[in-house]
Amino acid sequence: SLRLSCAASGSIVTIYTMNWYHQAPGKQRELVANITIGGRA
């Protein structure tokens, strides 16, 4: 198991849907999960 984190910083007002992608060697970048402002995954 692993737990990945992604922290945003800067002059932020609103972060909309947040996404995790992965890109394997020799393959295109692919969406694996996302989550809305309200927490819908």
PDB file of all heavy atoms in Angstrom:
ATOM      1  N   SER A   1       0.826  -1.199   0.000  1.00  0.00           N
ATOM      2  CA  SER A   1       0.000   0.000   0.000  1.00  0.00           C
ATOM      3  C   SER A   1       0.862   1.252   0.000  1.00  0.00           C
ATOM      4  O   SER A   1       1.986   1.251   0.508  1.00  0.00           O
ATOM      5  CB  SER A   1      -0.912   0.039   1.227  1.00  0.00           C
ATOM      6  OG  SER A   1      -1.822  -1.048   1.233  1.00  0.00           O
ATOM      7  N   LEU A   2       0.311   2.311  -0.562  1.00  0.00           N
ATOM      8  CA  LEU A   2       0.917   3.633  -0.534  1.00  0.00           C
ATOM      9  C   LEU A   2      -0.177   4.673  -0.352  1.00  0.00           C
ATOM     10  O   LEU A   2      -1.329   4.453  -0.742  1.00  0.00           O
ATOM     11  CB  LEU A   2       1.677   3.938  -1.824  1.00  0.00           C
ATOM     12  CG  LEU A   2       2.991   3.225  -2.084  1.00  0.00           C
ATOM     13  CD1 LEU A   2       3.450   3.493  -3.511  1.00  0.00           C
ATOM     14  CD2 LEU A   2       4.056   3.677  -1.097  1.00  0.00           C
ATOM     15  N   ARG A   3       0.200   5.796   0.227  1.00  0.00           N
ATOM     16  CA  ARG A   3      -0.702   6.935   0.321  1.00  0.00           C
ATOM     17  C   ARG A   3      -0.029   8.138  -0.327  1.00  0.00           C
ATOM     18  O   ARG A   3       0.977   8.632   0.180  1.00  0.00           O
ATOM     19  CB  ARG A   3      -1.060   7.260   1.765  1.00  0.00           C
ATOM     20  CG  ARG A   3      -2.135   8.340   1.919  1.00  0.00           C
ATOM     21  CD  ARG A   3      -2.501   8.533   3.375  1.00  0.00           C
ATOM     22  NE  ARG A   3      -3.662   9.383   3.563  1.00  0.00           N
ATOM     23  CZ  ARG A   3      -3.644  10.566   4.189  1.00  0.00           C
ATOM     24  NH1 ARG A   3      -2.516  11.040   4.682  1.00  0.00           N
ATOM     25  NH2 ARG A   3      -4.766  11.259   4.322  1.00  0.00           N
ATOM     26  N   LEU A   4      -0.586   8.568  -1.440  1.00  0.00           N
ATOM     27  CA  LEU A   4      -0.067   9.718  -2.156  1.00  0.00           C
ATOM     28  C   LEU A   4      -0.769  10.988  -1.697  1.00  0.00           C
ATOM     29  O   LEU A   4      -1.955  10.971  -1.375  1.00  0.00           O
ATOM     30  CB  LEU A   4      -0.263   9.556  -3.662  1.00  0.00           C
ATOM     31  CG  LEU A   4       0.206   8.241  -4.293  1.00  0.00           C
ATOM     32  CD1 LEU A   4      -0.001   8.290  -5.801  1.00  0.00           C
ATOM     33  CD2 LEU A   4       1.654   7.951  -3.943  1.00  0.00           C
ATOM     34  N   SER A   5      -0.036  12.087  -1.698  1.00  0.00           N
ATOM     35  CA  SER A   5      -0.583  13.381  -1.345  1.00  0.00           C
ATOM     36  C   SER A   5      -0.256  14.384  -2.435  1.00  0.00           C
ATOM     37  O   SER A   5       0.768  14.272  -3.110  1.00  0.00           O
ATOM     38  CB  SER A   5      -0.005  13.888  -0.019  1.00  0.00           C
ATOM     39  OG  SER A   5      -0.302  13.015   1.047  1.00  0.00           O
ATOM     40  N   CYS A   6      -1.121  15.364  -2.596  1.00  0.00           N
ATOM     41  CA  CYS A   6      -0.878  16.470  -3.514  1.00  0.00           C
ATOM     42  C   CYS A   6      -1.374  17.738  -2.849  1.00  0.00           C
ATOM     43  O   CYS A   6      -2.579  17.885  -2.619  1.00  0.00           O
ATOM     44  CB  CYS A   6      -1.588  16.245  -4.849  1.00  0.00           C
ATOM     45  SG  CYS A   6      -1.502  17.649  -5.981  1.00  0.00           S
ATOM     46  N   ALA A   7      -0.461  18.629  -2.543  1.00  0.00           N
ATOM     47  CA  ALA A   7      -0.784  19.871  -1.860  1.00  0.00           C
ATOM     48  C   ALA A   7      -0.676  21.045  -2.821  1.00  0.00           C
ATOM     49  O   ALA A   7       0.333  21.194  -3.519  1.00  0.00           O
ATOM     50  CB  ALA A   7       0.147  20.080  -0.670  1.00  0.00           C
ATOM     51  N   ALA A   8      -1.707  21.872  -2.850  1.00  0.00           N
ATOM     52  CA  ALA A   8      -1.722  23.068  -3.678  1.00  0.00           C
ATOM     53  C   ALA A   8      -1.436  24.299  -2.823  1.00  0.00           C
ATOM     54  O   ALA A   8      -1.873  24.390  -1.674  1.00  0.00           O
ATOM     55  CB  ALA A   8      -3.076  23.224  -4.370  1.00  0.00           C
ATOM     56  N   SER A   9      -0.708  25.242  -3.395  1.00  0.00           N
ATOM     57  CA  SER A   9      -0.419  26.488  -2.697  1.00  0.00           C
ATOM     58  C   SER A   9      -0.434  27.635  -3.696  1.00  0.00           C
ATOM     59  O   SER A   9      -0.257  27.434  -4.899  1.00  0.00           O
ATOM     60  CB  SER A   9       0.928  26.421  -1.973  1.00  0.00           C
ATOM     61  OG  SER A   9       1.988  26.188  -2.891  1.00  0.00           O
ATOM     62  N   GLY A  10      -0.624  28.839  -3.195  1.00  0.00           N
ATOM     63  CA  GLY A  10      -0.668  30.016  -4.035  1.00  0.00           C
ATOM     64  C   GLY A  10      -1.900  30.855  -3.760  1.00  0.00           C
ATOM     65  O   GLY A  10      -2.563  30.697  -2.734  1.00  0.00           O
ATOM     66  N   SER A  11      -2.215  31.744  -4.686  1.00  0.00           N
ATOM     67  CA  SER A  11      -3.342  32.660  -4.521  1.00  0.00           C
ATOM     68  C   SER A  11      -4.643  31.983  -4.951  1.00  0.00           C
ATOM     69  O   SER A  11      -5.271  32.354  -5.945  1.00  0.00           O
ATOM     70  CB  SER A  11      -3.097  33.946  -5.299  1.00  0.00           C
ATOM     71  OG  SER A  11      -2.844  33.674  -6.676  1.00  0.00           O
ATOM     72  N   ILE A  12      -5.059  31.016  -4.173  1.00  0.00           N
ATOM     73  CA  ILE A  12      -6.185  30.149  -4.507  1.00  0.00           C
ATOM     74  C   ILE A  12      -7.481  30.702  -3.930  1.00  0.00           C
ATOM     75  O   ILE A  12      -7.545  31.044  -2.752  1.00  0.00           O
ATOM     76  CB  ILE A  12      -5.942  28.725  -3.983  1.00  0.00           C
ATOM     77  CG1 ILE A  12      -4.725  28.107  -4.664  1.00  0.00           C
ATOM     78  CG2 ILE A  12      -7.184  27.858  -4.190  1.00  0.00           C
ATOM     79  CD1 ILE A  12      -4.224  26.853  -3.986  1.00  0.00           C
ATOM     80  N   VAL A  13      -8.495  30.749  -4.768  1.00  0.00           N
ATOM     81  CA  VAL A  13      -9.843  31.070  -4.315  1.00  0.00           C
ATOM     82  C   VAL A  13     -10.682  29.807  -4.220  1.00  0.00           C
ATOM     83  O   VAL A  13     -11.291  29.525  -3.181  1.00  0.00           O
ATOM     84  CB  VAL A  13     -10.524  32.087  -5.243  1.00  0.00           C
ATOM     85  CG1 VAL A  13     -11.979  32.301  -4.827  1.00  0.00           C
ATOM     86  CG2 VAL A  13      -9.773  33.408  -5.223  1.00  0.00           C
ATOM     87  N   THR A  14     -10.714  29.025  -5.293  1.00  0.00           N
ATOM     88  CA  THR A  14     -11.523  27.816  -5.334  1.00  0.00           C
ATOM     89  C   THR A  14     -10.795  26.733  -6.102  1.00  0.00           C
ATOM     90  O   THR A  14     -10.305  26.976  -7.197  1.00  0.00           O
ATOM     91  CB  THR A  14     -12.891  28.066  -6.003  1.00  0.00           C
ATOM     92  OG1 THR A  14     -13.556  29.153  -5.352  1.00  0.00           O
ATOM     93  CG2 THR A  14     -13.761  26.829  -5.938  1.00  0.00           C
ATOM     94  N   ILE A  15     -10.730  25.544  -5.527  1.00  0.00           N
ATOM     95  CA  ILE A  15     -10.257  24.365  -6.233  1.00  0.00           C
ATOM     96  C   ILE A  15     -11.471  23.519  -6.581  1.00  0.00           C
ATOM     97  O   ILE A  15     -12.181  23.063  -5.683  1.00  0.00           O
ATOM     98  CB  ILE A  15      -9.265  23.546  -5.401  1.00  0.00           C
ATOM     99  CG1 ILE A  15      -8.079  24.414  -4.966  1.00  0.00           C
ATOM    100  CG2 ILE A  15      -8.787  22.331  -6.183  1.00  0.00           C
ATOM    101  CD1 ILE A  15      -7.086  23.697  -4.076  1.00  0.00           C
ATOM    102  N   TYR A  16     -11.700  23.331  -7.852  1.00  0.00           N
ATOM    103  CA  TYR A  16     -12.834  22.536  -8.308  1.00  0.00           C
ATOM    104  C   TYR A  16     -12.462  21.055  -8.240  1.00  0.00           C
ATOM    105  O   TYR A  16     -11.674  20.660  -7.378  1.00  0.00           O
ATOM    106  CB  TYR A  16     -13.258  23.008  -9.694  1.00  0.00           C
ATOM    107  CG  TYR A  16     -13.696  24.462  -9.675  1.00  0.00           C
ATOM    108  CD1 TYR A  16     -12.805  25.492  -9.974  1.00  0.00           C
ATOM    109  CD2 TYR A  16     -14.992  24.811  -9.296  1.00  0.00           C
ATOM    110  CE1 TYR A  16     -13.194  26.826  -9.915  1.00  0.00           C
ATOM    111  CE2 TYR A  16     -15.384  26.136  -9.233  1.00  0.00           C
ATOM    112  CZ  TYR A  16     -14.484  27.139  -9.543  1.00  0.00           C
ATOM    113  OH  TYR A  16     -14.880  28.458  -9.473  1.00  0.00           O
ATOM    114  N   THR A  17     -13.031  20.239  -9.089  1.00  0.00           N
ATOM    115  CA  THR A  17     -12.727  18.814  -9.040  1.00  0.00           C
ATOM    116  C   THR A  17     -11.226  18.569  -9.116  1.00  0.00           C
ATOM    117  O   THR A  17     -10.532  19.145  -9.952  1.00  0.00           O
ATOM    118  CB  THR A  17     -13.438  18.073 -10.184  1.00  0.00           C
ATOM    119  OG1 THR A  17     -14.849  18.180  -9.999  1.00  0.00           O
ATOM    120  CG2 THR A  17     -13.048  16.604 -10.221  1.00  0.00           C
ATOM    121  N   MET A  18     -10.723  17.725  -8.218  1.00  0.00           N
ATOM    122  CA  MET A  18      -9.317  17.357  -8.189  1.00  0.00           C
ATOM    123  C   MET A  18      -9.169  15.949  -8.754  1.00  0.00           C
ATOM    124  O   MET A  18     -10.012  15.083  -8.506  1.00  0.00           O
ATOM    125  CB  MET A  18      -8.769  17.433  -6.770  1.00  0.00           C
ATOM    126  CG  MET A  18      -8.942  18.805  -6.143  1.00  0.00           C
ATOM    127  SD  MET A  18      -8.172  18.984  -4.509  1.00  0.00           S
ATOM    128  CE  MET A  18      -6.444  19.189  -4.974  1.00  0.00           C
ATOM    129  N   ASN A  19      -8.110  15.747  -9.498  1.00  0.00           N
ATOM    130  CA  ASN A  19      -7.921  14.518 -10.260  1.00  0.00           C
ATOM    131  C   ASN A  19      -6.566  13.888  -9.962  1.00  0.00           C
ATOM    132  O   ASN A  19      -5.579  14.585  -9.740  1.00  0.00           O
ATOM    133  CB  ASN A  19      -7.979  14.792 -11.768  1.00  0.00           C
ATOM    134  CG  ASN A  19      -9.197  15.586 -12.177  1.00  0.00           C
ATOM    135  OD1 ASN A  19     -10.295  15.031 -12.312  1.00  0.00           O
ATOM    136  ND2 ASN A  19      -9.029  16.881 -12.385  1.00  0.00           N
ATOM    137  N   TRP A  20      -6.539  12.560  -9.985  1.00  0.00           N
ATOM    138  CA  TRP A  20      -5.297  11.805 -10.031  1.00  0.00           C
ATOM    139  C   TRP A  20      -5.223  11.082 -11.370  1.00  0.00           C
ATOM    140  O   TRP A  20      -6.178  10.413 -11.775  1.00  0.00           O
ATOM    141  CB  TRP A  20      -5.205  10.776  -8.908  1.00  0.00           C
ATOM    142  CG  TRP A  20      -4.825  11.345  -7.585  1.00  0.00           C
ATOM    143  CD1 TRP A  20      -5.642  11.622  -6.545  1.00  0.00           C
ATOM    144  CD2 TRP A  20      -3.499  11.680  -7.152  1.00  0.00           C
ATOM    145  NE1 TRP A  20      -4.925  12.117  -5.486  1.00  0.00           N
ATOM    146  CE2 TRP A  20      -3.596  12.164  -5.832  1.00  0.00           C
ATOM    147  CE3 TRP A  20      -2.244  11.618  -7.758  1.00  0.00           C
ATOM    148  CZ2 TRP A  20      -2.497  12.589  -5.101  1.00  0.00           C
ATOM    149  CZ3 TRP A  20      -1.140  12.046  -7.027  1.00  0.00           C
ATOM    150  CH2 TRP A  20      -1.272  12.520  -5.724  1.00  0.00           C
ATOM    151  N   TYR A  21      -4.101  11.238 -12.035  1.00  0.00           N
ATOM    152  CA  TYR A  21      -3.789  10.519 -13.254  1.00  0.00           C
ATOM    153  C   TYR A  21      -2.562   9.653 -13.025  1.00  0.00           C
ATOM    154  O   TYR A  21      -1.779   9.895 -12.106  1.00  0.00           O
ATOM    155  CB  TYR A  21      -3.462  11.485 -14.396  1.00  0.00           C
ATOM    156  CG  TYR A  21      -4.626  12.271 -14.960  1.00  0.00           C
ATOM    157  CD1 TYR A  21      -5.146  13.364 -14.293  1.00  0.00           C
ATOM    158  CD2 TYR A  21      -5.175  11.930 -16.196  1.00  0.00           C
ATOM    159  CE1 TYR A  21      -6.190  14.099 -14.825  1.00  0.00           C
ATOM    160  CE2 TYR A  21      -6.220  12.665 -16.736  1.00  0.00           C
ATOM    161  CZ  TYR A  21      -6.724  13.746 -16.048  1.00  0.00           C
ATOM    162  OH  TYR A  21      -7.758  14.473 -16.581  1.00  0.00           O
ATOM    163  N   HIS A  22      -2.395   8.647 -13.860  1.00  0.00           N
ATOM    164  CA  HIS A  22      -1.108   7.988 -13.912  1.00  0.00           C
ATOM    165  C   HIS A  22      -0.674   7.787 -15.356  1.00  0.00           C
ATOM    166  O   HIS A  22      -1.480   7.797 -16.277  1.00  0.00           O
ATOM    167  CB  HIS A  22      -1.077   6.673 -13.114  1.00  0.00           C
ATOM    168  CG  HIS A  22      -1.916   5.550 -13.660  1.00  0.00           C
ATOM    169  ND1 HIS A  22      -2.125   4.398 -12.912  1.00  0.00           N
ATOM    170  CD2 HIS A  22      -2.579   5.352 -14.818  1.00  0.00           C
ATOM    171  CE1 HIS A  22      -2.880   3.564 -13.610  1.00  0.00           C
ATOM    172  NE2 HIS A  22      -3.166   4.133 -14.767  1.00  0.00           N
ATOM    173  N   GLN A  23       0.617   7.641 -15.524  1.00  0.00           N
ATOM    174  CA  GLN A  23       1.197   7.426 -16.838  1.00  0.00           C
ATOM    175  C   GLN A  23       2.273   6.355 -16.721  1.00  0.00           C
ATOM    176  O   GLN A  23       3.324   6.589 -16.124  1.00  0.00           O
ATOM    177  CB  GLN A  23       1.784   8.714 -17.412  1.00  0.00           C
ATOM    178  CG  GLN A  23       2.256   8.579 -18.848  1.00  0.00           C
ATOM    179  CD  GLN A  23       2.538   9.924 -19.503  1.00  0.00           C
ATOM    180  OE1 GLN A  23       2.750  10.920 -18.818  1.00  0.00           O
ATOM    181  NE2 GLN A  23       2.540   9.946 -20.817  1.00  0.00           N
ATOM    182  N   ALA A  24       1.975   5.189 -17.274  1.00  0.00           N
ATOM    183  CA  ALA A  24       2.911   4.080 -17.266  1.00  0.00           C
ATOM    184  C   ALA A  24       3.902   4.231 -18.415  1.00  0.00           C
ATOM    185  O   ALA A  24       3.628   4.930 -19.401  1.00  0.00           O
ATOM    186  CB  ALA A  24       2.158   2.763 -17.382  1.00  0.00           C
ATOM    187  N   PRO A  25       5.048   3.571 -18.319  1.00  0.00           N
ATOM    188  CA  PRO A  25       6.026   3.657 -19.403  1.00  0.00           C
ATOM    189  C   PRO A  25       5.425   3.250 -20.738  1.00  0.00           C
ATOM    190  O   PRO A  25       4.784   2.205 -20.854  1.00  0.00           O
ATOM    191  CB  PRO A  25       7.120   2.677 -18.973  1.00  0.00           C
ATOM    192  CG  PRO A  25       7.012   2.635 -17.488  1.00  0.00           C
ATOM    193  CD  PRO A  25       5.550   2.760 -17.192  1.00  0.00           C
ATOM    194  N   GLY A  26       5.597   4.082 -21.745  1.00  0.00           N
ATOM    195  CA  GLY A  26       5.114   3.787 -23.072  1.00  0.00           C
ATOM    196  C   GLY A  26       3.623   3.948 -23.280  1.00  0.00           C
ATOM    197  O   GLY A  26       3.117   3.601 -24.352  1.00  0.00           O
ATOM    198  N   LYS A  27       2.899   4.465 -22.286  1.00  0.00           N
ATOM    199  CA  LYS A  27       1.459   4.621 -22.398  1.00  0.00           C
ATOM    200  C   LYS A  27       1.058   6.079 -22.190  1.00  0.00           C
ATOM    201  O   LYS A  27       1.830   6.891 -21.673  1.00  0.00           O
ATOM    202  CB  LYS A  27       0.732   3.740 -21.386  1.00  0.00           C
ATOM    203  CG  LYS A  27       0.949   2.250 -21.582  1.00  0.00           C
ATOM    204  CD  LYS A  27      -0.105   1.437 -20.865  1.00  0.00           C
ATOM    205  CE  LYS A  27      -1.471   1.650 -21.488  1.00  0.00           C
ATOM    206  NZ  LYS A  27      -2.523   0.818 -20.853  1.00  0.00           N
ATOM    207  N   GLN A  28      -0.165   6.380 -22.591  1.00  0.00           N
ATOM    208  CA  GLN A  28      -0.680   7.730 -22.408  1.00  0.00           C
ATOM    209  C   GLN A  28      -1.092   7.961 -20.960  1.00  0.00           C
ATOM    210  O   GLN A  28      -1.346   7.018 -20.201  1.00  0.00           O
ATOM    211  CB  GLN A  28      -1.866   7.979 -23.343  1.00  0.00           C
ATOM    212  CG  GLN A  28      -3.089   7.140 -23.044  1.00  0.00           C
ATOM    213  CD  GLN A  28      -4.221   7.361 -24.030  1.00  0.00           C
ATOM    214  OE1 GLN A  28      -4.024   7.957 -25.095  1.00  0.00           O
ATOM    215  NE2 GLN A  28      -5.406   6.900 -23.693  1.00  0.00           N
ATOM    216  N   ARG A  29      -1.166   9.222 -20.595  1.00  0.00           N
ATOM    217  CA  ARG A  29      -1.643   9.571 -19.270  1.00  0.00           C
ATOM    218  C   ARG A  29      -3.134   9.254 -19.155  1.00  0.00           C
ATOM    219  O   ARG A  29      -3.921   9.546 -20.059  1.00  0.00           O
ATOM    220  CB  ARG A  29      -1.381  11.054 -19.009  1.00  0.00           C
ATOM    221  CG  ARG A  29      -1.552  11.471 -17.569  1.00  0.00           C
ATOM    222  CD  ARG A  29      -1.021  12.886 -17.335  1.00  0.00           C
ATOM    223  NE  ARG A  29       0.409  12.984 -17.590  1.00  0.00           N
ATOM    224  CZ  ARG A  29       1.130  14.074 -17.355  1.00  0.00           C
ATOM    225  NH1 ARG A  29       0.570  15.158 -16.848  1.00  0.00           N
ATOM    226  NH2 ARG A  29       2.433  14.079 -17.636  1.00  0.00           N
ATOM    227  N   GLU A  30      -3.537   8.661 -18.037  1.00  0.00           N
ATOM    228  CA  GLU A  30      -4.883   8.157 -17.870  1.00  0.00           C
ATOM    229  C   GLU A  30      -5.455   8.592 -16.530  1.00  0.00           C
ATOM    230  O   GLU A  30      -4.780   8.512 -15.498  1.00  0.00           O
ATOM    231  CB  GLU A  30      -4.881   6.630 -17.964  1.00  0.00           C
ATOM    232  CG  GLU A  30      -6.242   5.976 -17.881  1.00  0.00           C
ATOM    233  CD  GLU A  30      -6.164   4.471 -18.037  1.00  0.00           C
ATOM    234  OE1 GLU A  30      -5.120   3.889 -17.662  1.00  0.00           O
ATOM    235  OE2 GLU A  30      -7.137   3.878 -18.534  1.00  0.00           O
ATOM    236  N   LEU A  31      -6.703   9.021 -16.535  1.00  0.00           N
ATOM    237  CA  LEU A  31      -7.390   9.391 -15.300  1.00  0.00           C
ATOM    238  C   LEU A  31      -7.707   8.142 -14.495  1.00  0.00           C
ATOM    239  O   LEU A  31      -8.275   7.183 -15.023  1.00  0.00           O
ATOM    240  CB  LEU A  31      -8.676  10.147 -15.628  1.00  0.00           C
ATOM    241  CG  LEU A  31      -9.522  10.616 -14.447  1.00  0.00           C
ATOM    242  CD1 LEU A  31      -8.805  11.708 -13.657  1.00  0.00           C
ATOM    243  CD2 LEU A  31     -10.876  11.122 -14.931  1.00  0.00           C
ATOM    244  N   VAL A  32      -7.365   8.145 -13.218  1.00  0.00           N
ATOM    245  CA  VAL A  32      -7.662   7.008 -12.355  1.00  0.00           C
ATOM    246  C   VAL A  32      -8.711   7.322 -11.297  1.00  0.00           C
ATOM    247  O   VAL A  32      -9.433   6.421 -10.865  1.00  0.00           O
ATOM    248  CB  VAL A  32      -6.391   6.441 -11.688  1.00  0.00           C
ATOM    249  CG1 VAL A  32      -5.434   5.913 -12.756  1.00  0.00           C
ATOM    250  CG2 VAL A  32      -5.695   7.476 -10.815  1.00  0.00           C
ATOM    251  N   ALA A  33      -8.809   8.572 -10.856  1.00  0.00           N
ATOM    252  CA  ALA A  33      -9.789   8.931  -9.844  1.00  0.00           C
ATOM    253  C   ALA A  33      -9.958  10.438  -9.814  1.00  0.00           C
ATOM    254  O   ALA A  33      -9.032  11.180 -10.148  1.00  0.00           O
ATOM    255  CB  ALA A  33      -9.369   8.436  -8.457  1.00  0.00           C
ATOM    256  N   ASN A  34     -11.135  10.895  -9.420  1.00  0.00           N
ATOM    257  CA  ASN A  34     -11.312  12.307  -9.144  1.00  0.00           C
ATOM    258  C   ASN A  34     -12.327  12.493  -8.034  1.00  0.00           C
ATOM    259  O   ASN A  34     -13.022  11.556  -7.636  1.00  0.00           O
ATOM    260  CB  ASN A  34     -11.668  13.121 -10.401  1.00  0.00           C
ATOM    261  CG  ASN A  34     -12.965  12.711 -11.064  1.00  0.00           C
ATOM    262  OD1 ASN A  34     -13.866  12.149 -10.436  1.00  0.00           O
ATOM    263  ND2 ASN A  34     -13.070  13.001 -12.357  1.00  0.00           N
ATOM    264  N   ILE A  35     -12.398  13.723  -7.528  1.00  0.00           N
ATOM    265  CA  ILE A  35     -13.270  14.031  -6.409  1.00  0.00           C
ATOM    266  C   ILE A  35     -13.735  15.471  -6.525  1.00  0.00           C
ATOM    267  O   ILE A  35     -12.953  16.380  -6.793  1.00  0.00           O
ATOM    268  CB  ILE A  35     -12.549  13.754  -5.066  1.00  0.00           C
ATOM    269  CG1 ILE A  35     -13.495  13.955  -3.880  1.00  0.00           C
ATOM    270  CG2 ILE A  35     -11.289  14.600  -4.926  1.00  0.00           C
ATOM    271  CD1 ILE A  35     -12.935  13.395  -2.578  1.00  0.00           C
ATOM    272  N   THR A  36     -15.032  15.685  -6.335  1.00  0.00           N
ATOM    273  CA  THR A  36     -15.616  17.002  -6.473  1.00  0.00           C
ATOM    274  C   THR A  36     -15.390  17.829  -5.210  1.00  0.00           C
ATOM    275  O   THR A  36     -14.907  17.342  -4.188  1.00  0.00           O
ATOM    276  CB  THR A  36     -17.118  16.910  -6.745  1.00  0.00           C
ATOM    277  OG1 THR A  36     -17.778  16.378  -5.586  1.00  0.00           O
ATOM    278  CG2 THR A  36     -17.410  16.021  -7.948  1.00  0.00           C
ATOM    279  N   ILE A  37     -15.758  19.108  -5.295  1.00  0.00           N
ATOM    280  CA  ILE A  37     -15.656  19.986  -4.132  1.00  0.00           C
ATOM    281  C   ILE A  37     -16.406  19.397  -2.942  1.00  0.00           C
ATOM    282  O   ILE A  37     -15.934  19.459  -1.800  1.00  0.00           O
ATOM    283  CB  ILE A  37     -16.199  21.393  -4.456  1.00  0.00           C
ATOM    284  CG1 ILE A  37     -15.316  22.097  -5.485  1.00  0.00           C
ATOM    285  CG2 ILE A  37     -16.303  22.236  -3.189  1.00  0.00           C
ATOM    286  CD1 ILE A  37     -15.888  23.423  -5.958  1.00  0.00           C
ATOM    287  N   GLY A  38     -17.567  18.812  -3.200  1.00  0.00           N
ATOM    288  CA  GLY A  38     -18.386  18.249  -2.146  1.00  0.00           C
ATOM    289  C   GLY A  38     -17.976  16.868  -1.685  1.00  0.00           C
ATOM    290  O   GLY A  38     -18.632  16.301  -0.804  1.00  0.00           O
ATOM    291  N   GLY A  39     -16.932  16.296  -2.278  1.00  0.00           N
ATOM    292  CA  GLY A  39     -16.426  15.014  -1.834  1.00  0.00           C
ATOM    293  C   GLY A  39     -16.955  13.814  -2.591  1.00  0.00           C
ATOM    294  O   GLY A  39     -16.766  12.671  -2.144  1.00  0.00           O
ATOM    295  N   ARG A  40     -17.593  14.026  -3.717  1.00  0.00           N
ATOM    296  CA  ARG A  40     -18.085  12.920  -4.534  1.00  0.00           C
ATOM    297  C   ARG A  40     -16.935  12.341  -5.338  1.00  0.00           C
ATOM    298  O   ARG A  40     -16.296  13.049  -6.108  1.00  0.00           O
ATOM    299  CB  ARG A  40     -19.187  13.407  -5.461  1.00  0.00           C
ATOM    300  CG  ARG A  40     -19.892  12.321  -6.255  1.00  0.00           C
ATOM    301  CD  ARG A  40     -20.884  11.590  -5.375  1.00  0.00           C
ATOM    302  NE  ARG A  40     -21.909  10.911  -6.145  1.00  0.00           N
ATOM    303  CZ  ARG A  40     -21.787   9.692  -6.661  1.00  0.00           C
ATOM    304  NH1 ARG A  40     -20.649   9.022  -6.507  1.00  0.00           N
ATOM    305  NH2 ARG A  40     -22.788   9.154  -7.330  1.00  0.00           N
ATOM    306  N   ALA A  41     -16.676  11.049  -5.182  1.00  0.00           N
ATOM    307  CA  ALA A  41     -15.528  10.399  -5.793  1.00  0.00           C
ATOM    308  C   ALA A  41     -15.937   9.517  -6.966  1.00  0.00           C
ATOM    309  O   ALA A  41     -17.016   8.919  -6.968  1.00  0.00           O
ATOM    310  CB  ALA A  41     -14.789   9.554  -4.759  1.00  0.00           C
TER     311      ALA A  41
END
